[in-house]
């Protein structure tokens, strides 16, 4: 049975998971307060702990429970160290790719370490986060420096959307790499969120 989640609970969300977490909440009839950090924070992972802590400062005084729904995402332990200090839990997972694909992620990486992963969120934000975020619109000659060691693109699909699929195909073609599409749904993200919210 799905846990009852009302306004006394707040979720601090990664921008890459925000739309999907909202959909999961709607599916289960949950009504928590949702607060996301900017997806572009992934370009400077060292900033993520401070952004999350600022959200905690806003939410902890007003909510009975606050849960962080963000991967470790390259903070090198700084995010979890801050959360331990603040006494706030985070759902398990190094990043959204592993959350969606679960055990299959490690298998895919073992098969081909040079795998570039896409999710629905990354397909939607590819131009802002990757092209402009990495400066490829201004310095296209950097393309091979960033992507020269990749051998394939795997699109982990959360919701069937023909427009997103076509965009993923365009992204892969622009990278000069073959595209593999795998439907994961919300995968481990939903299961871990359910487990965390059901815990006392």
N, C-alpha and C. Protein backbone atom coordinates (compact mmCIF):
# COMPACT_ATOMS: atom_id res chain seq x y z
N UNK A 1 0.84 -1.20 0.00
CA UNK A 1 0.00 0.00 0.00
C UNK A 1 0.88 1.24 0.00
N UNK A 2 0.50 2.23 -0.79
CA UNK A 2 1.26 3.46 -0.88
C UNK A 2 1.13 4.24 0.42
N UNK A 3 2.24 4.82 0.93
CA UNK A 3 2.15 5.60 2.15
C UNK A 3 1.35 6.87 1.94
N UNK A 4 0.74 7.37 3.01
CA UNK A 4 0.03 8.64 2.95
C UNK A 4 1.04 9.76 3.08
N UNK A 5 1.08 10.63 2.10
CA UNK A 5 2.05 11.72 2.08
C UNK A 5 1.29 13.02 1.86
N UNK A 6 1.30 13.86 2.89
CA UNK A 6 0.58 15.11 2.79
C UNK A 6 1.48 16.31 2.86
N UNK A 7 0.89 17.45 3.20
CA UNK A 7 1.60 18.72 3.17
C UNK A 7 2.68 18.81 4.24
N UNK A 8 2.68 17.90 5.23
CA UNK A 8 3.70 17.92 6.25
C UNK A 8 5.04 17.39 5.77
N UNK A 9 5.07 16.86 4.57
CA UNK A 9 6.29 16.32 3.97
C UNK A 9 6.75 17.22 2.84
N UNK A 10 8.05 17.41 2.75
CA UNK A 10 8.63 18.18 1.64
C UNK A 10 9.71 17.35 0.97
N UNK A 11 9.80 17.47 -0.34
CA UNK A 11 10.82 16.79 -1.12
C UNK A 11 11.70 17.82 -1.80
N UNK A 12 13.01 17.72 -1.57
CA UNK A 12 13.96 18.56 -2.29
C UNK A 12 14.42 17.77 -3.50
N UNK A 13 14.17 18.28 -4.68
CA UNK A 13 14.33 17.51 -5.91
C UNK A 13 15.49 18.01 -6.75
N UNK A 14 16.14 17.06 -7.40
CA UNK A 14 17.05 17.40 -8.49
C UNK A 14 16.21 17.88 -9.67
N UNK A 15 16.69 18.91 -10.35
CA UNK A 15 15.97 19.38 -11.52
C UNK A 15 15.79 18.32 -12.58
N UNK A 16 16.72 17.33 -12.62
CA UNK A 16 16.63 16.26 -13.61
C UNK A 16 15.57 15.23 -13.26
N UNK A 17 15.03 15.30 -12.03
CA UNK A 17 14.01 14.34 -11.59
C UNK A 17 12.67 15.00 -11.29
N UNK A 18 12.62 16.32 -11.38
CA UNK A 18 11.46 17.04 -10.87
C UNK A 18 10.16 16.65 -11.56
N UNK A 19 10.14 16.62 -12.89
CA UNK A 19 8.91 16.29 -13.59
C UNK A 19 8.46 14.87 -13.28
N UNK A 20 9.43 13.97 -13.20
CA UNK A 20 9.10 12.57 -12.93
C UNK A 20 8.61 12.37 -11.50
N UNK A 21 9.20 13.05 -10.54
CA UNK A 21 8.74 12.94 -9.16
C UNK A 21 7.33 13.51 -9.04
N UNK A 22 7.06 14.60 -9.71
CA UNK A 22 5.70 15.15 -9.69
C UNK A 22 4.69 14.13 -10.24
N UNK A 23 5.07 13.45 -11.31
CA UNK A 23 4.18 12.44 -11.89
C UNK A 23 3.97 11.28 -10.93
N UNK A 24 5.03 10.85 -10.24
CA UNK A 24 4.91 9.77 -9.26
C UNK A 24 3.99 10.20 -8.12
N UNK A 25 4.15 11.43 -7.66
CA UNK A 25 3.28 11.94 -6.59
C UNK A 25 1.82 11.94 -7.02
N UNK A 26 1.56 12.36 -8.24
CA UNK A 26 0.18 12.37 -8.74
C UNK A 26 -0.37 10.95 -8.84
N UNK A 27 0.46 10.02 -9.28
CA UNK A 27 0.04 8.62 -9.42
C UNK A 27 -0.41 8.05 -8.08
N UNK A 28 0.29 8.41 -7.01
CA UNK A 28 0.01 7.84 -5.69
C UNK A 28 -0.88 8.73 -4.82
N UNK A 29 -1.29 9.86 -5.37
CA UNK A 29 -2.16 10.75 -4.60
C UNK A 29 -1.44 11.48 -3.49
N UNK A 30 -0.13 11.63 -3.61
CA UNK A 30 0.65 12.34 -2.60
C UNK A 30 0.55 13.84 -2.82
N UNK A 31 0.67 14.59 -1.74
CA UNK A 31 0.62 16.05 -1.84
C UNK A 31 1.72 16.71 -1.01
N UNK A 32 2.97 16.32 -1.24
CA UNK A 32 4.05 16.96 -0.50
C UNK A 32 4.38 18.32 -1.10
N UNK A 33 5.12 19.11 -0.35
CA UNK A 33 5.72 20.32 -0.90
C UNK A 33 6.93 19.90 -1.73
N UNK A 34 7.03 20.43 -2.94
CA UNK A 34 8.13 20.08 -3.83
C UNK A 34 9.00 21.32 -4.07
N UNK A 35 10.32 21.13 -3.92
CA UNK A 35 11.25 22.24 -4.15
C UNK A 35 12.45 21.69 -4.91
N UNK A 36 12.69 22.20 -6.11
CA UNK A 36 13.75 21.68 -6.96
C UNK A 36 14.94 22.63 -7.00
N UNK A 37 16.13 22.03 -7.20
CA UNK A 37 17.31 22.85 -7.49
C UNK A 37 17.50 22.85 -9.00
N UNK A 38 18.16 23.86 -9.50
CA UNK A 38 18.33 24.06 -10.93
C UNK A 38 19.11 22.89 -11.55
N UNK A 39 18.58 22.37 -12.65
CA UNK A 39 19.24 21.29 -13.38
C UNK A 39 20.67 21.66 -13.78
N UNK A 40 20.91 22.93 -14.04
CA UNK A 40 22.24 23.38 -14.48
C UNK A 40 23.30 23.25 -13.39
N UNK A 41 22.88 22.95 -12.17
CA UNK A 41 23.85 22.74 -11.09
C UNK A 41 24.77 21.57 -11.40
N UNK A 42 24.33 20.66 -12.27
CA UNK A 42 25.17 19.52 -12.62
C UNK A 42 26.45 19.94 -13.35
N UNK A 43 26.44 21.13 -13.90
CA UNK A 43 27.65 21.62 -14.57
C UNK A 43 28.74 21.99 -13.55
N UNK A 44 28.32 22.27 -12.32
CA UNK A 44 29.26 22.58 -11.23
C UNK A 44 28.81 21.80 -10.00
N UNK A 45 29.08 20.50 -9.96
CA UNK A 45 28.55 19.66 -8.86
C UNK A 45 28.97 20.12 -7.48
N UNK A 46 30.09 20.81 -7.36
CA UNK A 46 30.51 21.27 -6.05
C UNK A 46 29.54 22.27 -5.44
N UNK A 47 28.66 22.84 -6.27
CA UNK A 47 27.67 23.80 -5.78
C UNK A 47 26.40 23.12 -5.28
N UNK A 48 26.22 21.85 -5.59
CA UNK A 48 24.96 21.18 -5.26
C UNK A 48 24.70 21.16 -3.75
N UNK A 49 25.67 20.79 -2.89
CA UNK A 49 25.36 20.77 -1.46
C UNK A 49 24.82 22.10 -0.92
N UNK A 50 25.43 23.20 -1.34
CA UNK A 50 24.96 24.50 -0.84
C UNK A 50 23.56 24.82 -1.35
N UNK A 51 23.26 24.47 -2.58
CA UNK A 51 21.92 24.70 -3.12
C UNK A 51 20.88 23.88 -2.37
N UNK A 52 21.23 22.62 -2.09
CA UNK A 52 20.31 21.76 -1.34
C UNK A 52 20.14 22.29 0.08
N UNK A 53 21.23 22.70 0.71
CA UNK A 53 21.13 23.20 2.09
C UNK A 53 20.27 24.45 2.16
N UNK A 54 20.34 25.30 1.14
CA UNK A 54 19.49 26.49 1.13
C UNK A 54 18.01 26.10 1.10
N UNK A 55 17.70 25.05 0.35
CA UNK A 55 16.31 24.56 0.33
C UNK A 55 15.92 23.99 1.69
N UNK A 56 16.86 23.29 2.34
CA UNK A 56 16.56 22.74 3.66
C UNK A 56 16.28 23.86 4.66
N UNK A 57 17.03 24.94 4.57
CA UNK A 57 16.81 26.07 5.47
C UNK A 57 15.41 26.63 5.32
N UNK A 58 14.89 26.60 4.08
CA UNK A 58 13.53 27.09 3.83
C UNK A 58 12.47 26.12 4.35
N UNK A 59 12.73 24.81 4.18
CA UNK A 59 11.68 23.81 4.37
C UNK A 59 11.62 23.20 5.77
N UNK A 60 12.78 23.00 6.40
CA UNK A 60 12.79 22.29 7.68
C UNK A 60 11.95 22.97 8.76
N UNK A 61 11.96 24.29 8.87
CA UNK A 61 11.14 24.89 9.93
C UNK A 61 9.63 24.71 9.73
N UNK A 62 9.21 24.41 8.51
CA UNK A 62 7.79 24.40 8.19
C UNK A 62 7.23 23.01 7.90
N UNK A 63 8.06 21.96 7.98
CA UNK A 63 7.60 20.63 7.61
C UNK A 63 8.05 19.60 8.63
N UNK A 64 7.19 18.63 8.83
CA UNK A 64 7.49 17.55 9.77
C UNK A 64 8.61 16.68 9.25
N UNK A 65 8.68 16.53 7.94
CA UNK A 65 9.69 15.65 7.35
C UNK A 65 10.15 16.22 6.02
N UNK A 66 11.46 16.16 5.78
CA UNK A 66 12.02 16.59 4.50
C UNK A 66 12.91 15.47 3.99
N UNK A 67 12.71 15.09 2.74
CA UNK A 67 13.49 14.04 2.09
C UNK A 67 14.15 14.63 0.85
N UNK A 68 15.42 14.28 0.63
CA UNK A 68 16.14 14.77 -0.53
C UNK A 68 16.11 13.71 -1.63
N UNK A 69 15.65 14.11 -2.80
CA UNK A 69 15.52 13.20 -3.95
C UNK A 69 16.50 13.67 -5.02
N UNK A 70 17.76 13.43 -4.75
CA UNK A 70 18.85 13.87 -5.60
C UNK A 70 19.94 12.82 -5.54
N UNK A 71 20.57 12.53 -6.67
CA UNK A 71 21.69 11.61 -6.67
C UNK A 71 22.93 12.28 -6.08
N UNK A 72 23.96 11.47 -5.84
CA UNK A 72 25.22 12.03 -5.34
C UNK A 72 25.83 12.96 -6.38
N UNK A 73 25.71 12.59 -7.64
CA UNK A 73 25.95 13.48 -8.78
C UNK A 73 27.29 14.21 -8.77
N UNK A 74 28.34 13.50 -8.37
CA UNK A 74 29.67 14.07 -8.50
C UNK A 74 30.08 15.03 -7.41
N UNK A 75 29.37 15.06 -6.27
CA UNK A 75 29.75 15.98 -5.19
C UNK A 75 30.88 15.42 -4.33
N UNK A 76 31.32 14.21 -4.64
CA UNK A 76 32.46 13.58 -3.94
C UNK A 76 32.22 13.46 -2.44
N UNK A 77 31.01 13.12 -2.09
CA UNK A 77 30.67 12.89 -0.69
C UNK A 77 30.22 14.12 0.06
N UNK A 78 30.36 15.30 -0.53
CA UNK A 78 30.02 16.54 0.17
C UNK A 78 28.52 16.65 0.43
N UNK A 79 27.70 16.18 -0.51
CA UNK A 79 26.25 16.24 -0.31
C UNK A 79 25.84 15.38 0.87
N UNK A 80 26.29 14.14 0.90
CA UNK A 80 25.89 13.24 1.98
C UNK A 80 26.45 13.70 3.32
N UNK A 81 27.64 14.28 3.33
CA UNK A 81 28.20 14.80 4.58
C UNK A 81 27.34 15.94 5.13
N UNK A 82 26.88 16.82 4.24
CA UNK A 82 26.03 17.92 4.69
C UNK A 82 24.70 17.38 5.20
N UNK A 83 24.12 16.39 4.49
CA UNK A 83 22.83 15.84 4.91
C UNK A 83 22.94 15.12 6.24
N UNK A 84 24.04 14.43 6.46
CA UNK A 84 24.24 13.76 7.75
C UNK A 84 24.31 14.79 8.87
N UNK A 85 25.00 15.88 8.61
CA UNK A 85 25.10 16.94 9.62
C UNK A 85 23.74 17.54 9.92
N UNK A 86 22.89 17.65 8.90
CA UNK A 86 21.56 18.25 9.09
C UNK A 86 20.51 17.23 9.52
N UNK A 87 20.87 15.94 9.53
CA UNK A 87 19.92 14.91 9.93
C UNK A 87 18.81 14.68 8.92
N UNK A 88 19.13 14.81 7.64
CA UNK A 88 18.14 14.66 6.56
C UNK A 88 18.53 13.48 5.69
N UNK A 89 17.54 12.67 5.33
CA UNK A 89 17.78 11.48 4.51
C UNK A 89 17.72 11.81 3.03
N UNK A 90 18.42 10.99 2.25
CA UNK A 90 18.41 11.09 0.78
C UNK A 90 18.10 9.71 0.22
N UNK A 91 17.32 9.65 -0.86
CA UNK A 91 17.10 8.35 -1.48
C UNK A 91 18.42 7.86 -2.07
N UNK A 92 18.57 6.55 -2.13
CA UNK A 92 19.83 5.96 -2.58
C UNK A 92 20.03 6.18 -4.07
N UNK A 93 21.30 6.29 -4.46
CA UNK A 93 21.64 6.34 -5.87
C UNK A 93 22.70 7.36 -6.19
N UNK A 94 23.66 7.00 -7.04
CA UNK A 94 24.71 7.94 -7.42
C UNK A 94 24.24 9.01 -8.39
N UNK A 95 23.25 8.67 -9.22
CA UNK A 95 22.75 9.60 -10.23
C UNK A 95 21.47 9.03 -10.82
N UNK A 96 20.79 9.82 -11.64
CA UNK A 96 19.48 9.40 -12.15
C UNK A 96 19.57 8.21 -13.10
N UNK A 97 20.69 8.06 -13.83
CA UNK A 97 20.80 6.94 -14.75
C UNK A 97 20.70 5.61 -13.99
N UNK A 98 21.42 5.54 -12.87
CA UNK A 98 21.36 4.32 -12.06
C UNK A 98 20.01 4.17 -11.40
N UNK A 99 19.38 5.28 -10.99
CA UNK A 99 18.06 5.19 -10.36
C UNK A 99 17.04 4.58 -11.32
N UNK A 100 17.09 5.00 -12.57
CA UNK A 100 16.13 4.47 -13.54
C UNK A 100 16.48 3.05 -13.97
N UNK A 101 17.72 2.80 -14.30
CA UNK A 101 18.11 1.50 -14.86
C UNK A 101 18.39 0.46 -13.79
N UNK A 102 18.64 0.88 -12.57
CA UNK A 102 18.98 0.00 -11.45
C UNK A 102 20.17 -0.90 -11.79
N UNK A 103 20.07 -2.20 -11.53
CA UNK A 103 21.22 -3.10 -11.72
C UNK A 103 21.69 -3.14 -13.16
N UNK A 104 20.79 -2.87 -14.10
CA UNK A 104 21.16 -2.91 -15.51
C UNK A 104 22.19 -1.83 -15.85
N UNK A 105 22.25 -0.75 -15.05
CA UNK A 105 23.20 0.32 -15.35
C UNK A 105 24.63 -0.21 -15.29
N UNK A 106 24.96 -0.97 -14.24
CA UNK A 106 26.32 -1.50 -14.11
C UNK A 106 26.64 -2.44 -15.25
N UNK A 107 25.66 -3.24 -15.66
CA UNK A 107 25.87 -4.16 -16.77
C UNK A 107 26.15 -3.40 -18.06
N UNK A 108 25.38 -2.35 -18.30
CA UNK A 108 25.58 -1.55 -19.51
C UNK A 108 26.95 -0.90 -19.53
N UNK A 109 27.42 -0.44 -18.38
CA UNK A 109 28.74 0.18 -18.31
C UNK A 109 29.86 -0.85 -18.46
N UNK A 110 29.62 -2.04 -17.96
CA UNK A 110 30.62 -3.11 -18.14
C UNK A 110 30.72 -3.49 -19.62
N UNK A 111 29.57 -3.52 -20.30
CA UNK A 111 29.57 -3.86 -21.72
C UNK A 111 30.29 -2.81 -22.54
N UNK A 112 30.08 -1.53 -22.21
CA UNK A 112 30.69 -0.45 -22.97
C UNK A 112 30.85 0.77 -22.06
N UNK A 113 32.07 0.95 -21.50
CA UNK A 113 32.29 2.12 -20.65
C UNK A 113 32.06 3.44 -21.37
N UNK A 114 32.24 3.46 -22.68
CA UNK A 114 32.04 4.67 -23.45
C UNK A 114 30.59 4.86 -23.84
N UNK A 115 29.70 4.86 -22.85
CA UNK A 115 28.27 5.02 -23.10
C UNK A 115 27.81 6.40 -22.61
N UNK A 116 27.16 7.13 -23.48
CA UNK A 116 26.56 8.41 -23.13
C UNK A 116 25.08 8.17 -22.90
N UNK A 117 24.61 8.47 -21.69
CA UNK A 117 23.22 8.19 -21.34
C UNK A 117 22.35 9.43 -21.50
N UNK A 118 21.14 9.19 -21.94
CA UNK A 118 20.10 10.21 -21.99
C UNK A 118 18.92 9.74 -21.15
N UNK A 119 18.23 10.69 -20.56
CA UNK A 119 16.94 10.45 -19.92
C UNK A 119 15.95 11.43 -20.54
N UNK A 120 14.68 11.31 -20.20
CA UNK A 120 13.71 12.27 -20.72
C UNK A 120 14.13 13.70 -20.39
N UNK A 121 14.56 13.91 -19.14
CA UNK A 121 14.93 15.26 -18.72
C UNK A 121 16.13 15.78 -19.51
N UNK A 122 17.11 14.92 -19.74
CA UNK A 122 18.30 15.38 -20.46
C UNK A 122 17.99 15.62 -21.93
N UNK A 123 17.12 14.83 -22.52
CA UNK A 123 16.71 15.09 -23.91
C UNK A 123 16.03 16.46 -23.99
N UNK A 124 15.14 16.74 -23.04
CA UNK A 124 14.43 18.02 -23.05
C UNK A 124 15.38 19.20 -22.87
N UNK A 125 16.42 19.01 -22.08
CA UNK A 125 17.29 20.14 -21.73
C UNK A 125 18.65 20.08 -22.41
N UNK A 126 18.81 19.23 -23.42
CA UNK A 126 20.12 18.96 -24.01
C UNK A 126 20.79 20.24 -24.52
N UNK A 127 20.06 21.06 -25.22
CA UNK A 127 20.67 22.27 -25.79
C UNK A 127 21.15 23.21 -24.68
N UNK A 128 20.30 23.40 -23.65
CA UNK A 128 20.67 24.31 -22.58
C UNK A 128 21.80 23.75 -21.72
N UNK A 129 21.70 22.47 -21.38
CA UNK A 129 22.65 21.89 -20.43
C UNK A 129 23.95 21.46 -21.09
N UNK A 130 23.86 20.84 -22.26
CA UNK A 130 25.05 20.29 -22.90
C UNK A 130 25.63 21.26 -23.94
N UNK A 131 24.82 21.64 -24.91
CA UNK A 131 25.35 22.46 -26.00
C UNK A 131 25.80 23.83 -25.49
N UNK A 132 24.88 24.56 -24.84
CA UNK A 132 25.27 25.89 -24.34
C UNK A 132 26.03 25.77 -23.03
N UNK A 133 25.66 24.82 -22.20
CA UNK A 133 26.32 24.66 -20.91
C UNK A 133 27.79 24.33 -21.02
N UNK A 134 28.14 23.53 -22.02
CA UNK A 134 29.54 23.18 -22.23
C UNK A 134 30.24 24.10 -23.24
N UNK A 135 29.50 25.08 -23.74
CA UNK A 135 30.10 26.05 -24.65
C UNK A 135 30.26 25.56 -26.08
N UNK A 136 29.57 24.47 -26.44
CA UNK A 136 29.74 23.93 -27.78
C UNK A 136 29.11 24.80 -28.86
N UNK A 137 28.17 25.66 -28.46
CA UNK A 137 27.60 26.59 -29.43
C UNK A 137 28.62 27.65 -29.82
N UNK A 138 29.53 27.98 -28.90
CA UNK A 138 30.55 28.99 -29.17
C UNK A 138 31.87 28.38 -29.64
N UNK A 139 32.14 27.18 -29.16
CA UNK A 139 33.41 26.53 -29.48
C UNK A 139 33.16 25.10 -29.95
N UNK A 140 32.59 24.93 -31.14
CA UNK A 140 32.26 23.58 -31.62
C UNK A 140 33.48 22.69 -31.76
N UNK A 141 34.68 23.28 -31.82
CA UNK A 141 35.88 22.47 -31.95
C UNK A 141 36.15 21.64 -30.68
N UNK A 142 35.42 21.95 -29.59
CA UNK A 142 35.58 21.17 -28.35
C UNK A 142 34.81 19.85 -28.38
N UNK A 143 34.03 19.65 -29.42
CA UNK A 143 33.17 18.47 -29.49
C UNK A 143 33.95 17.18 -29.25
N UNK A 144 35.04 17.00 -29.97
CA UNK A 144 35.79 15.75 -29.84
C UNK A 144 36.46 15.62 -28.48
N UNK A 145 36.80 16.74 -27.86
CA UNK A 145 37.39 16.68 -26.52
C UNK A 145 36.40 16.14 -25.51
N UNK A 146 35.13 16.52 -25.68
CA UNK A 146 34.10 16.05 -24.76
C UNK A 146 33.61 14.64 -25.10
N UNK A 147 33.45 14.35 -26.37
CA UNK A 147 32.73 13.14 -26.77
C UNK A 147 33.56 12.13 -27.56
N UNK A 148 34.84 12.39 -27.73
CA UNK A 148 35.66 11.53 -28.57
C UNK A 148 35.79 10.10 -28.09
N UNK A 149 35.61 9.86 -26.79
CA UNK A 149 35.77 8.51 -26.25
C UNK A 149 34.46 7.75 -26.11
N UNK A 150 33.35 8.38 -26.46
CA UNK A 150 32.07 7.69 -26.40
C UNK A 150 31.88 6.81 -27.61
N UNK A 151 31.18 5.69 -27.41
CA UNK A 151 30.97 4.73 -28.49
C UNK A 151 29.49 4.49 -28.80
N UNK A 152 28.61 4.90 -27.88
CA UNK A 152 27.18 4.70 -28.13
C UNK A 152 26.39 5.63 -27.22
N UNK A 153 25.13 5.83 -27.58
CA UNK A 153 24.17 6.57 -26.76
C UNK A 153 23.06 5.61 -26.35
N UNK A 154 22.74 5.59 -25.07
CA UNK A 154 21.59 4.82 -24.60
C UNK A 154 20.58 5.79 -24.00
N UNK A 155 19.38 5.76 -24.53
CA UNK A 155 18.30 6.62 -24.05
C UNK A 155 17.43 5.79 -23.12
N UNK A 156 17.47 6.13 -21.82
CA UNK A 156 16.63 5.49 -20.81
C UNK A 156 15.31 6.26 -20.78
N UNK A 157 14.26 5.66 -21.28
CA UNK A 157 12.99 6.34 -21.49
C UNK A 157 12.09 6.20 -20.26
N UNK A 158 11.58 7.32 -19.77
CA UNK A 158 10.63 7.27 -18.66
C UNK A 158 9.17 7.23 -19.14
N UNK A 159 8.87 8.00 -20.17
CA UNK A 159 7.51 8.02 -20.72
C UNK A 159 7.60 8.02 -22.23
N UNK A 160 6.75 7.25 -22.87
CA UNK A 160 6.75 7.20 -24.33
C UNK A 160 6.33 8.57 -24.87
N UNK A 161 7.19 9.16 -25.66
CA UNK A 161 6.93 10.47 -26.25
C UNK A 161 7.68 10.51 -27.59
N UNK A 162 6.93 10.52 -28.67
CA UNK A 162 7.56 10.45 -29.99
C UNK A 162 8.47 11.64 -30.26
N UNK A 163 8.08 12.82 -29.77
CA UNK A 163 8.91 14.01 -29.99
C UNK A 163 10.25 13.87 -29.28
N UNK A 164 10.24 13.34 -28.05
CA UNK A 164 11.50 13.14 -27.33
C UNK A 164 12.36 12.08 -28.01
N UNK A 165 11.72 11.03 -28.51
CA UNK A 165 12.47 9.99 -29.21
C UNK A 165 13.15 10.56 -30.46
N UNK A 166 12.44 11.35 -31.22
CA UNK A 166 13.03 11.96 -32.41
C UNK A 166 14.18 12.89 -32.04
N UNK A 167 14.01 13.62 -30.94
CA UNK A 167 15.07 14.51 -30.49
C UNK A 167 16.30 13.70 -30.06
N UNK A 168 16.08 12.57 -29.37
CA UNK A 168 17.19 11.71 -28.97
C UNK A 168 17.93 11.19 -30.20
N UNK A 169 17.19 10.86 -31.24
CA UNK A 169 17.82 10.40 -32.48
C UNK A 169 18.67 11.51 -33.09
N UNK A 170 18.18 12.74 -33.03
CA UNK A 170 18.94 13.88 -33.54
C UNK A 170 20.21 14.10 -32.72
N UNK A 171 20.09 13.96 -31.39
CA UNK A 171 21.25 14.13 -30.52
C UNK A 171 22.32 13.09 -30.86
N UNK A 172 21.90 11.83 -30.96
CA UNK A 172 22.85 10.76 -31.27
C UNK A 172 23.51 10.98 -32.62
N UNK A 173 22.71 11.39 -33.61
CA UNK A 173 23.26 11.65 -34.93
C UNK A 173 24.28 12.79 -34.87
N UNK A 174 23.99 13.83 -34.08
CA UNK A 174 24.92 14.94 -33.94
C UNK A 174 26.22 14.53 -33.28
N UNK A 175 26.14 13.52 -32.40
CA UNK A 175 27.33 13.00 -31.75
C UNK A 175 28.06 11.98 -32.63
N UNK A 176 27.40 11.55 -33.72
CA UNK A 176 27.97 10.54 -34.59
C UNK A 176 28.02 9.17 -33.96
N UNK A 177 27.02 8.87 -33.10
CA UNK A 177 27.02 7.62 -32.35
C UNK A 177 25.71 6.87 -32.57
N UNK A 178 25.75 5.54 -32.49
CA UNK A 178 24.51 4.76 -32.58
C UNK A 178 23.66 4.95 -31.33
N UNK A 179 22.35 4.89 -31.51
CA UNK A 179 21.40 5.09 -30.42
C UNK A 179 20.72 3.78 -30.07
N UNK A 180 20.67 3.48 -28.78
CA UNK A 180 19.91 2.35 -28.27
C UNK A 180 18.86 2.89 -27.32
N UNK A 181 17.62 2.45 -27.46
CA UNK A 181 16.51 2.95 -26.64
C UNK A 181 16.05 1.85 -25.70
N UNK A 182 15.97 2.17 -24.41
CA UNK A 182 15.51 1.23 -23.40
C UNK A 182 14.44 1.89 -22.54
N UNK A 183 13.28 1.28 -22.46
CA UNK A 183 12.21 1.83 -21.63
C UNK A 183 12.40 1.35 -20.19
N UNK A 184 12.62 2.29 -19.28
CA UNK A 184 12.78 1.95 -17.86
C UNK A 184 11.59 2.37 -17.03
N UNK A 185 10.74 3.27 -17.57
CA UNK A 185 9.74 3.88 -16.71
C UNK A 185 10.45 4.66 -15.61
N UNK A 186 9.83 4.74 -14.44
CA UNK A 186 10.44 5.45 -13.33
C UNK A 186 11.38 4.55 -12.53
N UNK A 187 11.37 3.25 -12.85
CA UNK A 187 12.35 2.31 -12.32
C UNK A 187 12.57 2.42 -10.83
N UNK A 188 13.86 2.43 -10.47
CA UNK A 188 14.22 2.48 -9.06
C UNK A 188 13.86 3.78 -8.39
N UNK A 189 13.69 4.86 -9.15
CA UNK A 189 13.31 6.13 -8.55
C UNK A 189 12.00 5.98 -7.80
N UNK A 190 11.00 5.40 -8.44
CA UNK A 190 9.70 5.25 -7.79
C UNK A 190 9.78 4.27 -6.63
N UNK A 191 10.47 3.15 -6.82
CA UNK A 191 10.56 2.14 -5.77
C UNK A 191 11.30 2.70 -4.55
N UNK A 192 12.37 3.42 -4.76
CA UNK A 192 13.13 3.97 -3.64
C UNK A 192 12.37 5.09 -2.94
N UNK A 193 11.63 5.87 -3.72
CA UNK A 193 10.83 6.94 -3.12
C UNK A 193 9.73 6.34 -2.26
N UNK A 194 9.08 5.30 -2.75
CA UNK A 194 8.06 4.61 -1.98
C UNK A 194 8.64 4.07 -0.67
N UNK A 195 9.78 3.42 -0.76
CA UNK A 195 10.39 2.83 0.43
C UNK A 195 10.79 3.91 1.44
N UNK A 196 11.35 5.01 0.95
CA UNK A 196 11.80 6.06 1.84
C UNK A 196 10.64 6.73 2.55
N UNK A 197 9.55 6.95 1.83
CA UNK A 197 8.39 7.63 2.42
C UNK A 197 7.61 6.70 3.35
N UNK A 198 7.73 5.38 3.12
CA UNK A 198 7.05 4.43 4.00
C UNK A 198 7.80 4.20 5.30
N UNK A 199 9.11 4.53 5.30
CA UNK A 199 9.93 4.34 6.50
C UNK A 199 9.48 5.31 7.59
N UNK A 200 9.53 4.87 8.86
CA UNK A 200 9.14 5.77 9.96
C UNK A 200 10.09 6.95 10.12
